Amino acid sequence: MFKVFIDGREGTTGLRISERLSAREDVELIVLPEEKRKDAAARKWALNACNAAILCLPDAAAREAVSMVENPDTIVLDASTAHRTAPGWAYGLPELGAAACAAVLSSKRVAVPGCHASGFIALVAPLVAAGLLSPETPLSCTSLTGYSGGGKKMIADYAEKGAIYDPPRPYGLAQAHKHLPEMTKIAGLTQPPVFLPVVGNFYSGMLVSVPLHRAQLAKGAGMKDVRAVYKSLYTGPVVSFRETISEGGFASAGLLSGKDSMIVACEGNGERFTLLAVYDNLGKGASGAAVQLLNMKMGADLAAGLEL
């Protein structure tokens, strides 16, 4: 039996991870009593008594939790921003290739990717690695997300405000979004993209888009070459490639709401096209990604406990 402690289990991400794991016979959840869940001594005990700790905490609390881990065998999966570009931590997007997968499997410290960052990196990193995109290429990215990505406070806010929040709301306009460091580093870029996250009045789902002009690619390359890279790399079961995800000319951010999978696509014409990644901000963008990484560390079926 693999013992798992979710530190921050009461938050949106933690609750969904708990739901994914609670019915499994190969996992035993360590759950602290309500009066002990913020007690430092109790948390420290749980962090060292488990085989794997999943941190669903603010950055400062996540760093504190890591400092409490003294058991050399404890695996830490951190869903916060705190360690995504930190030395000694594997970045938890194994679909990027053999090296990324090996890093996850060999490390006791794995950072769960950010929701917006997951789609951007899945789209851009393979093209940089294949030489289709130069690391110096200036890029832009728009990411449409459901409001559950903002946690309990934003969920309550949308429930209270209702129709006032019907129009989508761009944010992060100061270009200082917390996902930008990982988007830049893991994608292999020398500069961050111009990034426009947008929250919509729907609970969950995410659509990340990166527009490209053929002139931005390596000489002689085009949309068919981009699609060939994705088709070779993203073969499932969690991340898969489709040439198109749109229907009737429209692409929906809710296409995979409630799922833990991701679809990568490239649509457009010979000169201008858009890289697209669709998934659930709480699925492959958060909780589903954490469960997938846990499965890898356990040696379990990669899809165990996931909705694909």
C-alpha atoms as a PDB file:
ATOM      1  CA  MET A   1       0.000   0.000   0.000  1.00  0.00           C
ATOM      2  CA  PHE A   2       1.402   3.387  -1.044  1.00  0.00           C
ATOM      3  CA  LYS A   3       0.866   6.023   1.638  1.00  0.00           C
ATOM      4  CA  VAL A   4       0.040   9.535   0.385  1.00  0.00           C
ATOM      5  CA  PHE A   5      -0.357  12.753   2.345  1.00  0.00           C
ATOM      6  CA  ILE A   6      -2.036  15.726   0.644  1.00  0.00           C
ATOM      7  CA  ASP A   7      -0.880  18.867   2.423  1.00  0.00           C
ATOM      8  CA  GLY A   8      -3.539  21.437   1.595  1.00  0.00           C
ATOM      9  CA  ARG A   9      -6.220  18.851   0.947  1.00  0.00           C
ATOM     10  CA  GLU A  10      -9.041  21.316   1.610  1.00  0.00           C
ATOM     11  CA  GLY A  11      -8.296  23.524  -1.416  1.00  0.00           C
ATOM     12  CA  THR A  12      -9.741  23.110  -4.898  1.00  0.00           C
ATOM     13  CA  THR A  13      -6.747  21.165  -6.239  1.00  0.00           C
ATOM     14  CA  GLY A  14      -6.314  19.076  -3.099  1.00  0.00           C
ATOM     15  CA  LEU A  15      -9.956  18.062  -2.977  1.00  0.00           C
ATOM     16  CA  ARG A  16      -9.914  16.862  -6.563  1.00  0.00           C
ATOM     17  CA  ILE A  17      -6.717  14.875  -5.989  1.00  0.00           C
ATOM     18  CA  SER A  18      -8.304  13.332  -2.908  1.00  0.00           C
ATOM     19  CA  GLU A  19     -11.354  12.340  -4.963  1.00  0.00           C
ATOM     20  CA  ARG A  20      -9.117  10.718  -7.572  1.00  0.00           C
ATOM     21  CA  LEU A  21      -7.214   8.714  -4.935  1.00  0.00           C
ATOM     22  CA  SER A  22      -9.799   7.845  -2.283  1.00  0.00           C
ATOM     23  CA  ALA A  23     -11.337   4.946  -4.193  1.00  0.00           C
ATOM     24  CA  ARG A  24      -8.042   3.298  -5.097  1.00  0.00           C
ATOM     25  CA  GLU A  25      -7.001   0.093  -3.390  1.00  0.00           C
ATOM     26  CA  ASP A  26      -3.285   0.715  -3.966  1.00  0.00           C
ATOM     27  CA  VAL A  27      -3.276   4.060  -2.127  1.00  0.00           C
ATOM     28  CA  GLU A  28      -3.732   4.838   1.560  1.00  0.00           C
ATOM     29  CA  LEU A  29      -4.441   8.495   2.261  1.00  0.00           C
ATOM     30  CA  ILE A  30      -3.008   9.946   5.461  1.00  0.00           C
ATOM     31  CA  VAL A  31      -5.622  12.450   6.645  1.00  0.00           C
ATOM     32  CA  LEU A  32      -5.039  14.613   9.702  1.00  0.00           C
ATOM     33  CA  PRO A  33      -7.951  15.439  12.016  1.00  0.00           C
ATOM     34  CA  GLU A  34      -9.486  18.840  11.315  1.00  0.00           C
ATOM     35  CA  GLU A  35      -7.997  20.338  14.479  1.00  0.00           C
ATOM     36  CA  LYS A  36      -4.506  19.134  13.467  1.00  0.00           C
ATOM     37  CA  ARG A  37      -4.385  19.968   9.764  1.00  0.00           C
ATOM     38  CA  LYS A  38      -2.546  23.280  10.359  1.00  0.00           C
ATOM     39  CA  ASP A  39      -0.523  21.990  13.309  1.00  0.00           C
ATOM     40  CA  ALA A  40       3.175  22.070  12.363  1.00  0.00           C
ATOM     41  CA  ALA A  41       4.121  18.985  14.373  1.00  0.00           C
ATOM     42  CA  ALA A  42       1.259  16.927  12.936  1.00  0.00           C
ATOM     43  CA  ARG A  43       2.074  18.032   9.384  1.00  0.00           C
ATOM     44  CA  LYS A  44       5.740  17.206   9.882  1.00  0.00           C
ATOM     45  CA  TRP A  45       4.831  13.730  11.095  1.00  0.00           C
ATOM     46  CA  ALA A  46       2.589  13.123   8.088  1.00  0.00           C
ATOM     47  CA  LEU A  47       5.151  14.491   5.630  1.00  0.00           C
ATOM     48  CA  ASN A  48       7.705  11.985   6.918  1.00  0.00           C
ATOM     49  CA  ALA A  49       5.340   9.043   7.438  1.00  0.00           C
ATOM     50  CA  CYS A  50       4.129   8.964   3.833  1.00  0.00           C
ATOM     51  CA  ASN A  51       5.658   7.506   0.698  1.00  0.00           C
ATOM     52  CA  ALA A  52       4.610  10.595  -1.257  1.00  0.00           C
ATOM     53  CA  ALA A  53       3.525  14.062  -0.186  1.00  0.00           C
ATOM     54  CA  ILE A  54       1.456  16.165  -2.572  1.00  0.00           C
ATOM     55  CA  LEU A  55       1.653  19.858  -1.724  1.00  0.00           C
ATOM     56  CA  CYS A  56      -1.395  21.973  -2.606  1.00  0.00           C
ATOM     57  CA  LEU A  57      -0.257  25.074  -0.785  1.00  0.00           C
ATOM     58  CA  PRO A  58       0.726  28.716  -1.324  1.00  0.00           C
ATOM     59  CA  ASP A  59       4.382  29.091  -2.286  1.00  0.00           C
ATOM     60  CA  ALA A  60       5.702  30.042   1.149  1.00  0.00           C
ATOM     61  CA  ALA A  61       3.845  27.185   2.843  1.00  0.00           C
ATOM     62  CA  ALA A  62       5.115  24.751   0.193  1.00  0.00           C
ATOM     63  CA  ARG A  63       8.711  25.764   0.863  1.00  0.00           C
ATOM     64  CA  GLU A  64       8.081  25.351   4.593  1.00  0.00           C
ATOM     65  CA  ALA A  65       6.621  21.881   4.021  1.00  0.00           C
ATOM     66  CA  VAL A  66       9.658  20.802   1.989  1.00  0.00           C
ATOM     67  CA  SER A  67      11.930  21.971   4.802  1.00  0.00           C
ATOM     68  CA  MET A  68      10.051  19.662   7.178  1.00  0.00           C
ATOM     69  CA  VAL A  69      10.773  16.541   5.132  1.00  0.00           C
ATOM     70  CA  GLU A  70      13.599  14.590   6.780  1.00  0.00           C
ATOM     71  CA  ASN A  71      12.767  11.108   5.488  1.00  0.00           C
ATOM     72  CA  PRO A  72      15.087  10.510   2.503  1.00  0.00           C
ATOM     73  CA  ASP A  73      12.528   8.164   0.962  1.00  0.00           C
ATOM     74  CA  THR A  74       9.635  10.636   0.928  1.00  0.00           C
ATOM     75  CA  ILE A  75       8.674  11.743  -2.583  1.00  0.00           C
ATOM     76  CA  VAL A  76       7.407  15.329  -2.842  1.00  0.00           C
ATOM     77  CA  LEU A  77       5.073  16.455  -5.619  1.00  0.00           C
ATOM     78  CA  ASP A  78       4.620  20.212  -5.352  1.00  0.00           C
ATOM     79  CA  ALA A  79       1.612  21.782  -7.097  1.00  0.00           C
ATOM     80  CA  SER A  80       2.628  25.329  -6.097  1.00  0.00           C
ATOM     81  CA  THR A  81       4.816  27.722  -8.095  1.00  0.00           C
ATOM     82  CA  ALA A  82       7.631  27.489  -5.561  1.00  0.00           C
ATOM     83  CA  HIS A  83       9.886  24.880  -7.177  1.00  0.00           C
ATOM     84  CA  ARG A  84       9.056  24.793 -10.894  1.00  0.00           C
ATOM     85  CA  THR A  85      12.356  26.322 -11.922  1.00  0.00           C
ATOM     86  CA  ALA A  86      14.324  25.357  -8.802  1.00  0.00           C
ATOM     87  CA  PRO A  87      17.584  23.380  -9.064  1.00  0.00           C
ATOM     88  CA  GLY A  88      17.208  19.743  -8.066  1.00  0.00           C
ATOM     89  CA  TRP A  89      13.529  19.580  -9.008  1.00  0.00           C
ATOM     90  CA  ALA A  90      12.192  17.677 -12.008  1.00  0.00           C
ATOM     91  CA  TYR A  91       9.548  19.417 -14.078  1.00  0.00           C
ATOM     92  CA  GLY A  92       6.464  17.217 -14.228  1.00  0.00           C
ATOM     93  CA  LEU A  93       5.609  17.192 -17.928  1.00  0.00           C
ATOM     94  CA  PRO A  94       6.905  13.739 -18.948  1.00  0.00           C
ATOM     95  CA  GLU A  95       5.254  13.968 -22.366  1.00  0.00           C
ATOM     96  CA  LEU A  96       8.082  16.256 -23.492  1.00  0.00           C
ATOM     97  CA  GLY A  97      10.236  13.222 -24.212  1.00  0.00           C
ATOM     98  CA  ALA A  98      12.526  10.562 -22.805  1.00  0.00           C
ATOM     99  CA  ALA A  99      14.732  12.973 -20.834  1.00  0.00           C
ATOM    100  CA  ALA A 100      11.747  14.656 -19.177  1.00  0.00           C
ATOM    101  CA  CYS A 101      10.221  11.286 -18.334  1.00  0.00           C
ATOM    102  CA  ALA A 102      13.504   9.971 -16.909  1.00  0.00           C
ATOM    103  CA  ALA A 103      13.903  13.081 -14.753  1.00  0.00           C
ATOM    104  CA  VAL A 104      10.464  12.542 -13.211  1.00  0.00           C
ATOM    105  CA  LEU A 105      11.134   8.866 -12.568  1.00  0.00           C
ATOM    106  CA  SER A 106      14.534   9.440 -10.955  1.00  0.00           C
ATOM    107  CA  SER A 107      13.781  12.453  -8.767  1.00  0.00           C
ATOM    108  CA  LYS A 108      12.349  12.573  -5.255  1.00  0.00           C
ATOM    109  CA  ARG A 109      11.295  16.173  -5.923  1.00  0.00           C
ATOM    110  CA  VAL A 110       8.882  16.848  -8.768  1.00  0.00           C
ATOM    111  CA  ALA A 111       7.149  20.149  -9.566  1.00  0.00           C
ATOM    112  CA  VAL A 112       3.628  19.888 -10.944  1.00  0.00           C
ATOM    113  CA  PRO A 113       3.377  22.328 -13.891  1.00  0.00           C
ATOM    114  CA  GLY A 114       1.241  25.451 -13.775  1.00  0.00           C
ATOM    115  CA  CYS A 115      -2.106  25.303 -15.543  1.00  0.00           C
ATOM    116  CA  HIS A 116      -1.429  27.955 -18.205  1.00  0.00           C
ATOM    117  CA  ALA A 117       2.186  26.852 -18.495  1.00  0.00           C
ATOM    118  CA  SER A 118       1.293  23.230 -19.253  1.00  0.00           C
ATOM    119  CA  GLY A 119      -0.330  24.097 -22.566  1.00  0.00           C
ATOM    120  CA  PHE A 120       2.230  26.697 -23.631  1.00  0.00           C
ATOM    121  CA  ILE A 121       5.176  24.423 -22.919  1.00  0.00           C
ATOM    122  CA  ALA A 122       3.516  21.420 -24.568  1.00  0.00           C
ATOM    123  CA  LEU A 123       3.099  23.552 -27.699  1.00  0.00           C
ATOM    124  CA  VAL A 124       6.404  25.405 -27.819  1.00  0.00           C
ATOM    125  CA  ALA A 125       9.092  23.229 -26.207  1.00  0.00           C
ATOM    126  CA  PRO A 126       8.960  20.447 -28.854  1.00  0.00           C
ATOM    127  CA  LEU A 127       9.304  22.975 -31.674  1.00  0.00           C
ATOM    128  CA  VAL A 128      12.341  24.577 -30.037  1.00  0.00           C
ATOM    129  CA  ALA A 129      13.870  21.147 -29.399  1.00  0.00           C
ATOM    130  CA  ALA A 130      13.271  20.130 -33.026  1.00  0.00           C
ATOM    131  CA  GLY A 131      14.891  23.302 -34.357  1.00  0.00           C
ATOM    132  CA  LEU A 132      11.680  24.600 -35.919  1.00  0.00           C
ATOM    133  CA  LEU A 133      11.610  27.579 -33.567  1.00  0.00           C
ATOM    134  CA  SER A 134      14.649  29.548 -32.482  1.00  0.00           C
ATOM    135  CA  PRO A 135      14.926  30.105 -28.705  1.00  0.00           C
ATOM    136  CA  GLU A 136      15.150  33.835 -29.489  1.00  0.00           C
ATOM    137  CA  THR A 137      11.798  33.937 -31.322  1.00  0.00           C
ATOM    138  CA  PRO A 138       9.428  36.529 -29.805  1.00  0.00           C
ATOM    139  CA  LEU A 139       6.133  34.782 -29.055  1.00  0.00           C
ATOM    140  CA  SER A 140       2.714  35.649 -27.700  1.00  0.00           C
ATOM    141  CA  CYS A 141       0.208  33.439 -25.925  1.00  0.00           C
ATOM    142  CA  THR A 142      -3.461  33.732 -24.967  1.00  0.00           C
ATOM    143  CA  SER A 143      -4.933  31.341 -22.412  1.00  0.00           C
ATOM    144  CA  LEU A 144      -8.656  31.134 -21.677  1.00  0.00           C
ATOM    145  CA  THR A 145      -9.488  29.433 -18.374  1.00  0.00           C
ATOM    146  CA  GLY A 146     -12.469  28.586 -16.227  1.00  0.00           C
ATOM    147  CA  TYR A 147     -12.822  30.460 -12.951  1.00  0.00           C
ATOM    148  CA  SER A 148     -12.083  27.407 -10.776  1.00  0.00           C
ATOM    149  CA  GLY A 149      -8.402  28.087 -11.486  1.00  0.00           C
ATOM    150  CA  GLY A 150      -8.647  30.988  -9.049  1.00  0.00           C
ATOM    151  CA  GLY A 151      -9.491  28.678  -6.144  1.00  0.00           C
ATOM    152  CA  LYS A 152     -12.270  28.887  -3.588  1.00  0.00           C
ATOM    153  CA  LYS A 153     -12.266  32.687  -3.381  1.00  0.00           C
ATOM    154  CA  MET A 154     -12.772  33.167  -7.108  1.00  0.00           C
ATOM    155  CA  ILE A 155     -15.338  30.358  -7.274  1.00  0.00           C
ATOM    156  CA  ALA A 156     -17.357  32.073  -4.542  1.00  0.00           C
ATOM    157  CA  ASP A 157     -16.897  35.436  -6.229  1.00  0.00           C
ATOM    158  CA  TYR A 158     -18.314  34.173  -9.522  1.00  0.00           C
ATOM    159  CA  ALA A 159     -21.211  32.475  -7.739  1.00  0.00           C
ATOM    160  CA  GLU A 160     -22.060  35.775  -6.018  1.00  0.00           C
ATOM    161  CA  LYS A 161     -21.548  38.175  -8.931  1.00  0.00           C
ATOM    162  CA  GLY A 162     -23.280  36.024 -11.552  1.00  0.00           C
ATOM    163  CA  ALA A 163     -24.063  37.849 -14.803  1.00  0.00           C
ATOM    164  CA  ILE A 164     -21.768  40.764 -13.924  1.00  0.00           C
ATOM    165  CA  TYR A 165     -18.875  38.483 -14.790  1.00  0.00           C
ATOM    166  CA  ASP A 166     -20.372  37.067 -17.993  1.00  0.00           C
ATOM    167  CA  PRO A 167     -17.911  38.841 -20.326  1.00  0.00           C
ATOM    168  CA  PRO A 168     -14.432  37.225 -20.275  1.00  0.00           C
ATOM    169  CA  ARG A 169     -11.885  39.119 -18.191  1.00  0.00           C
ATOM    170  CA  PRO A 170      -8.222  39.411 -19.236  1.00  0.00           C
ATOM    171  CA  TYR A 171      -5.784  39.744 -16.353  1.00  0.00           C
ATOM    172  CA  GLY A 172      -2.042  39.688 -15.686  1.00  0.00           C
ATOM    173  CA  LEU A 173      -1.748  42.771 -17.871  1.00  0.00           C
ATOM    174  CA  ALA A 174       1.480  43.881 -16.173  1.00  0.00           C
ATOM    175  CA  GLN A 175       3.240  40.909 -17.832  1.00  0.00           C
ATOM    176  CA  ALA A 176       4.402  39.564 -14.467  1.00  0.00           C
ATOM    177  CA  HIS A 177       2.264  36.413 -14.259  1.00  0.00           C
ATOM    178  CA  LYS A 178       3.727  33.788 -11.940  1.00  0.00           C
ATOM    179  CA  HIS A 179       3.821  31.145 -14.692  1.00  0.00           C
ATOM    180  CA  LEU A 180       6.114  33.160 -16.969  1.00  0.00           C
ATOM    181  CA  PRO A 181       9.432  31.898 -15.490  1.00  0.00           C
ATOM    182  CA  GLU A 182       8.577  28.242 -16.129  1.00  0.00           C
ATOM    183  CA  MET A 183       7.007  29.031 -19.507  1.00  0.00           C
ATOM    184  CA  THR A 184      10.291  30.614 -20.547  1.00  0.00           C
ATOM    185  CA  LYS A 185      12.771  28.179 -19.023  1.00  0.00           C
ATOM    186  CA  ILE A 186      11.075  24.850 -19.735  1.00  0.00           C
ATOM    187  CA  ALA A 187      10.104  25.847 -23.273  1.00  0.00           C
ATOM    188  CA  GLY A 188      13.755  26.666 -23.931  1.00  0.00           C
ATOM    189  CA  LEU A 189      13.207  30.342 -24.723  1.00  0.00           C
ATOM    190  CA  THR A 190      15.554  33.236 -24.058  1.00  0.00           C
ATOM    191  CA  GLN A 191      12.719  35.671 -23.347  1.00  0.00           C
ATOM    192  CA  PRO A 192       9.200  35.312 -21.946  1.00  0.00           C
ATOM    193  CA  PRO A 193       6.212  35.460 -24.287  1.00  0.00           C
ATOM    194  CA  VAL A 194       3.730  38.299 -24.258  1.00  0.00           C
ATOM    195  CA  PHE A 195       1.134  36.484 -22.192  1.00  0.00           C
ATOM    196  CA  LEU A 196      -2.590  37.235 -21.945  1.00  0.00           C
ATOM    197  CA  PRO A 197      -4.514  34.998 -19.533  1.00  0.00           C
ATOM    198  CA  VAL A 198      -8.307  35.377 -19.670  1.00  0.00           C
ATOM    199  CA  VAL A 199     -10.819  34.061 -17.137  1.00  0.00           C
ATOM    200  CA  GLY A 200     -14.313  33.215 -18.378  1.00  0.00           C
ATOM    201  CA  ASN A 201     -17.622  32.642 -16.637  1.00  0.00           C
ATOM    202  CA  PHE A 202     -17.464  28.834 -16.788  1.00  0.00           C
ATOM    203  CA  TYR A 203     -16.275  26.490 -14.059  1.00  0.00           C
ATOM    204  CA  SER A 204     -13.474  24.544 -15.694  1.00  0.00           C
ATOM    205  CA  GLY A 205     -11.656  24.112 -18.971  1.00  0.00           C
ATOM    206  CA  MET A 206      -8.686  25.724 -20.668  1.00  0.00           C
ATOM    207  CA  LEU A 207      -7.628  26.671 -24.182  1.00  0.00           C
ATOM    208  CA  VAL A 208      -4.074  27.877 -24.740  1.00  0.00           C
ATOM    209  CA  SER A 209      -3.214  29.397 -28.116  1.00  0.00           C
ATOM    210  CA  VAL A 210       0.086  30.542 -29.615  1.00  0.00           C
ATOM    211  CA  PRO A 211      -0.167  32.305 -33.004  1.00  0.00           C
ATOM    212  CA  LEU A 212       2.663  31.841 -35.501  1.00  0.00           C
ATOM    213  CA  HIS A 213       3.617  33.189 -38.897  1.00  0.00           C
ATOM    214  CA  ARG A 214       5.488  30.816 -41.175  1.00  0.00           C
ATOM    215  CA  ALA A 215       8.370  33.298 -41.253  1.00  0.00           C
ATOM    216  CA  GLN A 216       8.923  32.638 -37.523  1.00  0.00           C
ATOM    217  CA  LEU A 217       9.800  29.014 -38.227  1.00  0.00           C
ATOM    218  CA  ALA A 218      13.083  27.655 -39.531  1.00  0.00           C
ATOM    219  CA  LYS A 219      13.611  28.295 -43.238  1.00  0.00           C
ATOM    220  CA  GLY A 220      11.486  26.002 -45.387  1.00  0.00           C
ATOM    221  CA  ALA A 221       9.350  24.756 -42.470  1.00  0.00           C
ATOM    222  CA  GLY A 222       5.587  25.101 -42.276  1.00  0.00           C
ATOM    223  CA  MET A 223       2.455  23.870 -40.556  1.00  0.00           C
ATOM    224  CA  LYS A 224       2.942  20.300 -41.791  1.00  0.00           C
ATOM    225  CA  ASP A 225       6.299  20.143 -40.016  1.00  0.00           C
ATOM    226  CA  VAL A 226       4.755  21.433 -36.779  1.00  0.00           C
ATOM    227  CA  ARG A 227       2.046  18.810 -36.989  1.00  0.00           C
ATOM    228  CA  ALA A 228       4.615  16.097 -37.692  1.00  0.00           C
ATOM    229  CA  VAL A 229       6.486  16.952 -34.463  1.00  0.00           C
ATOM    230  CA  TYR A 230       3.297  16.823 -32.406  1.00  0.00           C
ATOM    231  CA  LYS A 231       2.062  13.635 -34.064  1.00  0.00           C
ATOM    232  CA  SER A 232       5.316  11.844 -33.273  1.00  0.00           C
ATOM    233  CA  LEU A 233       5.520  13.065 -29.666  1.00  0.00           C
ATOM    234  CA  TYR A 234       1.952  13.135 -28.377  1.00  0.00           C
ATOM    235  CA  THR A 235       0.583   9.625 -28.743  1.00  0.00           C
ATOM    236  CA  GLY A 236      -1.447   9.388 -25.513  1.00  0.00           C
ATOM    237  CA  PRO A 237      -2.891   8.171 -23.300  1.00  0.00           C
ATOM    238  CA  VAL A 238      -2.860  11.533 -21.507  1.00  0.00           C
ATOM    239  CA  VAL A 239      -1.640  13.947 -24.189  1.00  0.00           C
ATOM    240  CA  SER A 240      -2.598  13.298 -27.796  1.00  0.00           C
ATOM    241  CA  PHE A 241      -2.435  15.099 -31.134  1.00  0.00           C
ATOM    242  CA  ARG A 242      -5.217  16.092 -33.479  1.00  0.00           C
ATOM    243  CA  GLU A 243      -4.824  18.235 -36.564  1.00  0.00           C
ATOM    244  CA  THR A 244      -7.879  20.256 -35.530  1.00  0.00           C
ATOM    245  CA  ILE A 245      -9.987  20.736 -32.426  1.00  0.00           C
ATOM    246  CA  SER A 246     -12.378  23.329 -33.824  1.00  0.00           C
ATOM    247  CA  GLU A 247     -15.918  22.608 -34.968  1.00  0.00           C
ATOM    248  CA  GLY A 248     -17.616  24.967 -37.393  1.00  0.00           C
ATOM    249  CA  GLY A 249     -14.707  27.356 -37.045  1.00  0.00           C
ATOM    250  CA  PHE A 250     -14.942  27.587 -33.233  1.00  0.00           C
ATOM    251  CA  ALA A 251     -12.663  26.058 -30.592  1.00  0.00           C
ATOM    252  CA  SER A 252     -14.073  25.466 -27.109  1.00  0.00           C
ATOM    253  CA  ALA A 253     -12.119  25.834 -23.870  1.00  0.00           C
ATOM    254  CA  GLY A 254     -14.625  23.420 -22.325  1.00  0.00           C
ATOM    255  CA  LEU A 255     -13.926  20.541 -24.712  1.00  0.00           C
ATOM    256  CA  LEU A 256     -12.168  18.467 -22.016  1.00  0.00           C
ATOM    257  CA  SER A 257     -13.821  19.900 -18.905  1.00  0.00           C
ATOM    258  CA  GLY A 258     -13.877  17.229 -16.200  1.00  0.00           C
ATOM    259  CA  LYS A 259     -11.126  15.233 -17.921  1.00  0.00           C
ATOM    260  CA  ASP A 260      -7.443  14.761 -17.101  1.00  0.00           C
ATOM    261  CA  SER A 261      -6.230  14.589 -20.687  1.00  0.00           C
ATOM    262  CA  MET A 262      -4.905  17.179 -23.156  1.00  0.00           C
ATOM    263  CA  ILE A 263      -5.258  17.550 -26.922  1.00  0.00           C
ATOM    264  CA  VAL A 264      -2.640  19.438 -28.924  1.00  0.00           C
ATOM    265  CA  ALA A 265      -3.465  20.777 -32.378  1.00  0.00           C
ATOM    266  CA  CYS A 266      -2.293  23.190 -35.084  1.00  0.00           C
ATOM    267  CA  GLU A 267      -4.795  25.004 -37.295  1.00  0.00           C
ATOM    268  CA  GLY A 268      -4.517  27.669 -39.968  1.00  0.00           C
ATOM    269  CA  ASN A 269      -3.146  28.011 -43.459  1.00  0.00           C
ATOM    270  CA  GLY A 270       0.195  27.937 -45.234  1.00  0.00           C
ATOM    271  CA  GLU A 271       1.313  31.325 -43.928  1.00  0.00           C
ATOM    272  CA  ARG A 272      -0.447  31.868 -40.585  1.00  0.00           C
ATOM    273  CA  PHE A 273      -1.509  29.282 -38.053  1.00  0.00           C
ATOM    274  CA  THR A 274      -2.262  28.790 -34.373  1.00  0.00           C
ATOM    275  CA  LEU A 275      -0.848  26.237 -31.947  1.00  0.00           C
ATOM    276  CA  LEU A 276      -3.650  25.028 -29.661  1.00  0.00           C
ATOM    277  CA  ALA A 277      -3.793  23.024 -26.439  1.00  0.00           C
ATOM    278  CA  VAL A 278      -7.115  22.189 -24.811  1.00  0.00           C
ATOM    279  CA  TYR A 279      -7.529  20.566 -21.386  1.00  0.00           C
ATOM    280  CA  ASP A 280      -9.092  21.130 -17.967  1.00  0.00           C
ATOM    281  CA  ASN A 281      -7.358  23.669 -15.740  1.00  0.00           C
ATOM    282  CA  LEU A 282      -8.112  21.361 -12.792  1.00  0.00           C
ATOM    283  CA  GLY A 283      -7.228  18.196 -14.746  1.00  0.00           C
ATOM    284  CA  LYS A 284      -3.993  18.094 -16.731  1.00  0.00           C
ATOM    285  CA  GLY A 285      -3.569  21.675 -15.524  1.00  0.00           C
ATOM    286  CA  ALA A 286      -3.443  20.715 -11.834  1.00  0.00           C
ATOM    287  CA  SER A 287      -4.951  17.714 -10.014  1.00  0.00           C
ATOM    288  CA  GLY A 288      -4.879  15.257 -12.902  1.00  0.00           C
ATOM    289  CA  ALA A 289      -1.237  16.082 -13.562  1.00  0.00           C
ATOM    290  CA  ALA A 290      -0.370  15.420  -9.908  1.00  0.00           C
ATOM    291  CA  VAL A 291      -2.121  12.039  -9.951  1.00  0.00           C
ATOM    292  CA  GLN A 292      -0.392  11.101 -13.206  1.00  0.00           C
ATOM    293  CA  LEU A 293       2.987  11.929 -11.676  1.00  0.00           C
ATOM    294  CA  LEU A 294       2.119   9.948  -8.553  1.00  0.00           C
ATOM    295  CA  ASN A 295       1.257   6.962 -10.748  1.00  0.00           C
ATOM    296  CA  MET A 296       4.665   7.195 -12.374  1.00  0.00           C
ATOM    297  CA  LYS A 297       6.442   7.314  -9.016  1.00  0.00           C
ATOM    298  CA  MET A 298       4.395   4.349  -7.764  1.00  0.00           C
ATOM    299  CA  GLY A 299       5.001   2.284 -10.883  1.00  0.00           C
ATOM    300  CA  ALA A 300       1.233   2.086 -11.349  1.00  0.00           C
ATOM    301  CA  ASP A 301      -0.768   2.272 -14.545  1.00  0.00           C
ATOM    302  CA  LEU A 302      -0.260   5.793 -15.869  1.00  0.00           C
ATOM    303  CA  ALA A 303      -4.024   6.296 -16.228  1.00  0.00           C
ATOM    304  CA  ALA A 304      -4.981   4.929 -12.798  1.00  0.00           C
ATOM    305  CA  GLY A 305      -7.525   7.203 -11.102  1.00  0.00           C
ATOM    306  CA  LEU A 306      -7.705   9.548 -14.094  1.00  0.00           C
ATOM    307  CA  GLU A 307     -10.645  10.542 -16.259  1.00  0.00           C
ATOM    308  CA  LEU A 308      -9.315  10.401 -19.811  1.00  0.00           C
END
